C-alpha atoms as a PDB file:
ATOM      1  CA  MET A   1      53.126  29.167 -23.554  1.00  0.00           C
ATOM      2  CA  SER A   2      50.737  31.376 -25.492  1.00  0.00           C
ATOM      3  CA  ALA A   3      47.138  31.678 -24.318  1.00  0.00           C
ATOM      4  CA  PRO A   4      44.426  30.442 -26.666  1.00  0.00           C
ATOM      5  CA  ARG A   5      41.704  32.618 -28.153  1.00  0.00           C
ATOM      6  CA  ARG A   6      38.136  31.428 -27.583  1.00  0.00           C
ATOM      7  CA  ILE A   7      36.145  30.793 -30.772  1.00  0.00           C
ATOM      8  CA  ASP A   8      32.367  30.608 -31.226  1.00  0.00           C
ATOM      9  CA  ILE A   9      31.512  29.588 -34.791  1.00  0.00           C
ATOM     10  CA  GLU A  10      27.944  30.905 -34.563  1.00  0.00           C
ATOM     11  CA  ALA A  11      29.269  34.371 -33.591  1.00  0.00           C
ATOM     12  CA  ILE A  12      31.458  34.647 -36.718  1.00  0.00           C
ATOM     13  CA  ALA A  13      29.710  36.619 -39.458  1.00  0.00           C
ATOM     14  CA  PRO A  14      29.157  34.449 -42.551  1.00  0.00           C
ATOM     15  CA  THR A  15      30.323  35.565 -45.995  1.00  0.00           C
ATOM     16  CA  PRO A  16      27.918  34.435 -48.759  1.00  0.00           C
ATOM     17  CA  TRP A  17      29.454  32.750 -51.793  1.00  0.00           C
ATOM     18  CA  LYS A  18      29.232  34.509 -55.137  1.00  0.00           C
ATOM     19  CA  ASN A  19      27.444  31.471 -56.622  1.00  0.00           C
ATOM     20  CA  GLY A  20      24.787  31.523 -53.881  1.00  0.00           C
ATOM     21  CA  ALA A  21      25.371  27.866 -52.952  1.00  0.00           C
ATOM     22  CA  GLY A  22      26.594  28.536 -49.428  1.00  0.00           C
ATOM     23  CA  MET A  23      28.609  30.709 -47.078  1.00  0.00           C
ATOM     24  CA  THR A  24      31.911  30.665 -45.216  1.00  0.00           C
ATOM     25  CA  ARG A  25      32.761  31.612 -41.649  1.00  0.00           C
ATOM     26  CA  GLU A  26      36.478  32.376 -41.512  1.00  0.00           C
ATOM     27  CA  ILE A  27      37.965  31.369 -38.167  1.00  0.00           C
ATOM     28  CA  ALA A  28      41.524  32.558 -38.746  1.00  0.00           C
ATOM     29  CA  MET A  29      44.110  33.215 -41.422  1.00  0.00           C
ATOM     30  CA  SER A  30      47.855  33.703 -41.233  1.00  0.00           C
ATOM     31  CA  PRO A  31      49.323  36.125 -41.713  1.00  0.00           C
ATOM     32  CA  ALA A  32      46.438  38.178 -40.332  1.00  0.00           C
ATOM     33  CA  GLY A  33      44.901  40.343 -43.029  1.00  0.00           C
ATOM     34  CA  ALA A  34      46.314  38.284 -45.912  1.00  0.00           C
ATOM     35  CA  SER A  35      44.199  37.871 -49.023  1.00  0.00           C
ATOM     36  CA  VAL A  36      42.795  34.457 -49.924  1.00  0.00           C
ATOM     37  CA  LYS A  37      45.544  34.237 -52.558  1.00  0.00           C
ATOM     38  CA  ALA A  38      48.414  35.054 -50.169  1.00  0.00           C
ATOM     39  CA  PHE A  39      47.716  33.218 -46.890  1.00  0.00           C
ATOM     40  CA  ASP A  40      50.104  30.734 -45.273  1.00  0.00           C
ATOM     41  CA  TRP A  41      47.213  28.928 -43.576  1.00  0.00           C
ATOM     42  CA  ARG A  42      43.457  29.379 -43.271  1.00  0.00           C
ATOM     43  CA  LEU A  43      40.794  27.805 -41.031  1.00  0.00           C
ATOM     44  CA  SER A  44      37.118  28.095 -41.943  1.00  0.00           C
ATOM     45  CA  VAL A  45      33.681  26.531 -41.696  1.00  0.00           C
ATOM     46  CA  ALA A  46      31.542  26.345 -44.841  1.00  0.00           C
ATOM     47  CA  GLU A  47      27.791  25.872 -44.993  1.00  0.00           C
ATOM     48  CA  LEU A  48      26.654  24.310 -48.267  1.00  0.00           C
ATOM     49  CA  GLU A  49      22.996  24.652 -49.236  1.00  0.00           C
ATOM     50  CA  ARG A  50      23.392  22.911 -52.598  1.00  0.00           C
ATOM     51  CA  GLY A  51      26.081  21.308 -54.719  1.00  0.00           C
ATOM     52  CA  ALA A  52      28.761  23.627 -56.082  1.00  0.00           C
ATOM     53  CA  PRO A  53      32.335  23.635 -57.356  1.00  0.00           C
ATOM     54  CA  PHE A  54      35.124  23.948 -54.810  1.00  0.00           C
ATOM     55  CA  SER A  55      37.333  26.983 -55.300  1.00  0.00           C
ATOM     56  CA  ALA A  56      40.727  25.926 -56.649  1.00  0.00           C
ATOM     57  CA  PHE A  57      43.797  26.973 -54.644  1.00  0.00           C
ATOM     58  CA  PRO A  58      46.943  25.959 -56.583  1.00  0.00           C
ATOM     59  CA  GLY A  59      49.960  25.410 -54.310  1.00  0.00           C
ATOM     60  CA  VAL A  60      47.725  24.773 -51.304  1.00  0.00           C
ATOM     61  CA  ASP A  61      47.037  21.545 -49.412  1.00  0.00           C
ATOM     62  CA  ARG A  62      43.547  21.115 -47.981  1.00  0.00           C
ATOM     63  CA  ALA A  63      41.898  18.905 -45.384  1.00  0.00           C
ATOM     64  CA  ILE A  64      38.142  18.743 -44.866  1.00  0.00           C
ATOM     65  CA  VAL A  65      35.660  17.141 -42.481  1.00  0.00           C
ATOM     66  CA  VAL A  66      31.834  17.236 -42.560  1.00  0.00           C
ATOM     67  CA  LEU A  67      30.637  18.612 -39.213  1.00  0.00           C
ATOM     68  CA  ASP A  68      26.852  18.577 -39.737  1.00  0.00           C
ATOM     69  CA  GLY A  69      24.535  17.041 -42.282  1.00  0.00           C
ATOM     70  CA  PRO A  70      24.360  13.697 -44.066  1.00  0.00           C
ATOM     71  CA  GLY A  71      27.682  13.998 -45.899  1.00  0.00           C
ATOM     72  CA  MET A  72      28.659  14.899 -49.441  1.00  0.00           C
ATOM     73  CA  ARG A  73      30.206  13.461 -52.559  1.00  0.00           C
ATOM     74  CA  LEU A  74      33.199  15.052 -54.260  1.00  0.00           C
ATOM     75  CA  VAL A  75      33.335  14.505 -58.020  1.00  0.00           C
ATOM     76  CA  ASP A  76      35.767  15.589 -60.732  1.00  0.00           C
ATOM     77  CA  GLY A  77      34.981  17.488 -63.943  1.00  0.00           C
ATOM     78  CA  SER A  78      33.694  14.345 -65.653  1.00  0.00           C
ATOM     79  CA  GLY A  79      31.307  13.607 -62.784  1.00  0.00           C
ATOM     80  CA  ALA A  80      33.354  10.613 -61.597  1.00  0.00           C
ATOM     81  CA  LEU A  81      33.289  10.062 -57.838  1.00  0.00           C
ATOM     82  CA  VAL A  82      36.577  11.103 -56.261  1.00  0.00           C
ATOM     83  CA  GLN A  83      35.682  10.854 -52.581  1.00  0.00           C
ATOM     84  CA  PRO A  84      32.538  10.265 -50.534  1.00  0.00           C
ATOM     85  CA  LEU A  85      32.660  12.324 -47.322  1.00  0.00           C
ATOM     86  CA  GLN A  86      30.779  10.888 -44.377  1.00  0.00           C
ATOM     87  CA  PRO A  87      30.189  12.975 -41.242  1.00  0.00           C
ATOM     88  CA  LEU A  88      33.324  13.341 -39.064  1.00  0.00           C
ATOM     89  CA  ALA A  89      35.589  11.527 -41.555  1.00  0.00           C
ATOM     90  CA  THR A  90      38.621  13.607 -42.594  1.00  0.00           C
ATOM     91  CA  TRP A  91      40.075  13.780 -46.100  1.00  0.00           C
ATOM     92  CA  SER A  92      43.202  15.585 -47.361  1.00  0.00           C
ATOM     93  CA  PHE A  93      43.728  16.651 -50.981  1.00  0.00           C
ATOM     94  CA  ASP A  94      45.531  19.014 -53.355  1.00  0.00           C
ATOM     95  CA  GLY A  95      43.746  22.368 -53.127  1.00  0.00           C
ATOM     96  CA  GLY A  96      44.474  23.055 -56.799  1.00  0.00           C
ATOM     97  CA  ARG A  97      42.413  20.060 -57.882  1.00  0.00           C
ATOM     98  CA  GLU A  98      39.108  20.940 -59.522  1.00  0.00           C
ATOM     99  CA  LEU A  99      36.321  19.279 -57.555  1.00  0.00           C
ATOM    100  CA  GLN A 100      32.570  19.658 -57.265  1.00  0.00           C
ATOM    101  CA  ALA A 101      30.568  18.961 -54.106  1.00  0.00           C
ATOM    102  CA  GLU A 102      27.301  17.072 -54.530  1.00  0.00           C
ATOM    103  CA  LEU A 103      24.748  16.998 -51.711  1.00  0.00           C
ATOM    104  CA  PRO A 104      22.434  14.094 -52.587  1.00  0.00           C
ATOM    105  CA  HIS A 105      20.852  14.001 -49.118  1.00  0.00           C
ATOM    106  CA  GLY A 106      20.714  17.666 -48.110  1.00  0.00           C
ATOM    107  CA  PRO A 107      22.763  20.610 -46.809  1.00  0.00           C
ATOM    108  CA  CYS A 108      26.071  20.140 -44.980  1.00  0.00           C
ATOM    109  CA  ARG A 109      28.463  22.115 -42.840  1.00  0.00           C
ATOM    110  CA  ASP A 110      32.171  21.361 -43.153  1.00  0.00           C
ATOM    111  CA  PHE A 111      35.476  22.494 -41.696  1.00  0.00           C
ATOM    112  CA  ASN A 112      38.451  23.280 -43.946  1.00  0.00           C
ATOM    113  CA  VAL A 113      42.105  23.789 -43.160  1.00  0.00           C
ATOM    114  CA  MET A 114      44.297  25.064 -45.993  1.00  0.00           C
ATOM    115  CA  THR A 115      48.087  25.391 -45.872  1.00  0.00           C
ATOM    116  CA  ARG A 116      50.538  26.891 -48.340  1.00  0.00           C
ATOM    117  CA  ARG A 117      52.591  23.942 -49.627  1.00  0.00           C
ATOM    118  CA  GLY A 118      56.262  24.143 -48.641  1.00  0.00           C
ATOM    119  CA  ARG A 119      55.583  26.617 -45.806  1.00  0.00           C
ATOM    120  CA  TRP A 120      53.028  24.919 -43.534  1.00  0.00           C
ATOM    121  CA  ARG A 121      51.426  21.512 -43.133  1.00  0.00           C
ATOM    122  CA  ALA A 122      48.340  20.444 -41.225  1.00  0.00           C
ATOM    123  CA  THR A 123      46.857  17.308 -39.749  1.00  0.00           C
ATOM    124  CA  LEU A 124      43.174  17.021 -38.997  1.00  0.00           C
ATOM    125  CA  ARG A 125      41.572  14.462 -36.696  1.00  0.00           C
ATOM    126  CA  VAL A 126      38.401  13.941 -34.693  1.00  0.00           C
ATOM    127  CA  LEU A 127      38.792  12.935 -31.039  1.00  0.00           C
ATOM    128  CA  ARG A 128      36.124  10.916 -29.233  1.00  0.00           C
ATOM    129  CA  SER A 129      37.725  10.988 -25.775  1.00  0.00           C
ATOM    130  CA  GLY A 130      40.122  13.108 -23.759  1.00  0.00           C
ATOM    131  CA  ALA A 131      43.736  13.293 -24.855  1.00  0.00           C
ATOM    132  CA  GLU A 132      46.955  15.255 -24.644  1.00  0.00           C
ATOM    133  CA  ILE A 133      47.395  17.429 -27.718  1.00  0.00           C
ATOM    134  CA  ASP A 134      50.989  17.665 -28.968  1.00  0.00           C
ATOM    135  CA  ALA A 135      52.860  20.942 -29.176  1.00  0.00           C
ATOM    136  CA  ALA A 136      52.423  22.761 -32.494  1.00  0.00           C
ATOM    137  CA  ASP A 137      52.981  26.086 -34.224  1.00  0.00           C
ATOM    138  CA  ALA A 138      49.190  26.673 -34.303  1.00  0.00           C
ATOM    139  CA  THR A 139      46.200  24.590 -33.161  1.00  0.00           C
ATOM    140  CA  LEU A 140      42.419  24.680 -33.272  1.00  0.00           C
ATOM    141  CA  LEU A 141      40.225  22.588 -30.978  1.00  0.00           C
ATOM    142  CA  LEU A 142      36.525  22.729 -31.905  1.00  0.00           C
ATOM    143  CA  ALA A 143      33.698  20.949 -30.068  1.00  0.00           C
ATOM    144  CA  VAL A 144      31.520  19.318 -32.732  1.00  0.00           C
ATOM    145  CA  ARG A 145      29.378  17.148 -30.459  1.00  0.00           C
ATOM    146  CA  GLY A 146      29.055  17.119 -26.706  1.00  0.00           C
ATOM    147  CA  ARG A 147      30.865  19.270 -24.173  1.00  0.00           C
ATOM    148  CA  TRP A 148      34.635  19.443 -23.679  1.00  0.00           C
ATOM    149  CA  ARG A 149      37.119  21.178 -21.386  1.00  0.00           C
ATOM    150  CA  SER A 150      40.618  22.465 -22.104  1.00  0.00           C
ATOM    151  CA  GLU A 151      42.794  25.104 -20.455  1.00  0.00           C
ATOM    152  CA  GLY A 152      40.152  25.460 -17.730  1.00  0.00           C
ATOM    153  CA  GLN A 153      37.485  26.450 -20.262  1.00  0.00           C
ATOM    154  CA  ALA A 154      34.290  24.521 -20.984  1.00  0.00           C
ATOM    155  CA  LEU A 155      33.463  24.213 -24.677  1.00  0.00           C
ATOM    156  CA  ASP A 156      29.945  23.619 -25.954  1.00  0.00           C
ATOM    157  CA  ARG A 157      28.988  22.649 -29.503  1.00  0.00           C
ATOM    158  CA  MET A 158      30.714  24.808 -32.161  1.00  0.00           C
ATOM    159  CA  GLN A 159      32.939  26.499 -29.591  1.00  0.00           C
ATOM    160  CA  GLY A 160      36.677  26.103 -29.571  1.00  0.00           C
ATOM    161  CA  LEU A 161      40.127  27.341 -28.677  1.00  0.00           C
ATOM    162  CA  LEU A 162      42.670  28.680 -31.163  1.00  0.00           C
ATOM    163  CA  TRP A 163      46.398  28.980 -30.557  1.00  0.00           C
ATOM    164  CA  ASP A 164      47.706  30.988 -33.511  1.00  0.00           C
ATOM    165  CA  THR A 165      51.295  30.866 -32.256  1.00  0.00           C
ATOM    166  CA  ALA A 166      53.509  28.047 -30.976  1.00  0.00           C
ATOM    167  CA  HIS A 167      52.400  26.310 -27.791  1.00  0.00           C
ATOM    168  CA  GLY A 168      53.303  23.319 -25.649  1.00  0.00           C
ATOM    169  CA  PRO A 169      51.206  20.193 -24.998  1.00  0.00           C
ATOM    170  CA  VAL A 170      47.552  20.766 -24.069  1.00  0.00           C
ATOM    171  CA  ASP A 171      45.126  18.450 -22.256  1.00  0.00           C
ATOM    172  CA  VAL A 172      41.511  18.075 -23.404  1.00  0.00           C
ATOM    173  CA  GLU A 173      38.770  16.331 -21.455  1.00  0.00           C
ATOM    174  CA  ALA A 174      35.488  14.956 -22.814  1.00  0.00           C
ATOM    175  CA  LEU A 175      32.581  15.908 -20.550  1.00  0.00           C
ATOM    176  CA  ASP A 176      30.009  13.833 -22.476  1.00  0.00           C
ATOM    177  CA  ALA A 177      30.280  10.192 -23.546  1.00  0.00           C
ATOM    178  CA  ASP A 178      29.145  10.803 -27.136  1.00  0.00           C
ATOM    179  CA  GLY A 179      31.394  13.793 -27.848  1.00  0.00           C
ATOM    180  CA  ALA A 180      33.456  14.638 -30.914  1.00  0.00           C
ATOM    181  CA  LEU A 181      36.238  17.239 -30.891  1.00  0.00           C
ATOM    182  CA  LEU A 182      37.963  18.475 -34.027  1.00  0.00           C
ATOM    183  CA  HIS A 183      41.742  18.914 -33.692  1.00  0.00           C
ATOM    184  CA  ALA A 184      43.585  20.844 -36.406  1.00  0.00           C
ATOM    185  CA  ARG A 185      47.359  20.866 -35.864  1.00  0.00           C
ATOM    186  CA  LEU A 186      49.504  23.213 -37.955  1.00  0.00           C
ATOM    187  CA  CYS A 187      53.299  23.191 -38.149  1.00  0.00           C
ATOM    188  CA  HIS A 188      55.916  24.994 -40.188  1.00  0.00           C
ATOM    189  CA  ASP A 189      57.005  22.755 -43.057  1.00  0.00           C
ATOM    190  CA  HIS A 190      60.750  22.205 -42.739  1.00  0.00           C
ATOM    191  CA  ARG A 191      60.903  19.293 -45.172  1.00  0.00           C
ATOM    192  CA  PRO A 192      63.493  19.644 -47.964  1.00  0.00           C
END
């Protein structure tokens, strides 16, 4: 089984957005060194200071979860509400869809997983207690609240483990009663 790489979100240099509304911390992209138009999958954390349009990624599936802040509203071009996003609630959508984030109650930090449709697929969930994580082609575990342990490593808030190649089942243990652990599972898409 491949060994995971330790991740510390706060140690990843942020890239400011061109529109000035926020910044992104890229956790990983496959293949390594791919452009944002040619990746198979991408994991990142975005920090939104104010409402702004989401970048459109045609041919890409996205999943998002608010990690910090009071949540956001996603609206379409007409301003109609598409999806309210509460903290730690996941939502999956077509990355080519034009959406705008509104922050009626203040700044937010979110996690995004994007996969090239037809090549990869991802599931995103938030764990509240220990569990066995299924085998996958790539996996990210990220401590959002509380302390966790996996593979003999303690994880504090915004620290995680990344397997960017296939691995077997992995155990995770909650060290605090009020914890939340983000689990992003990525698999090759072999569907016809």
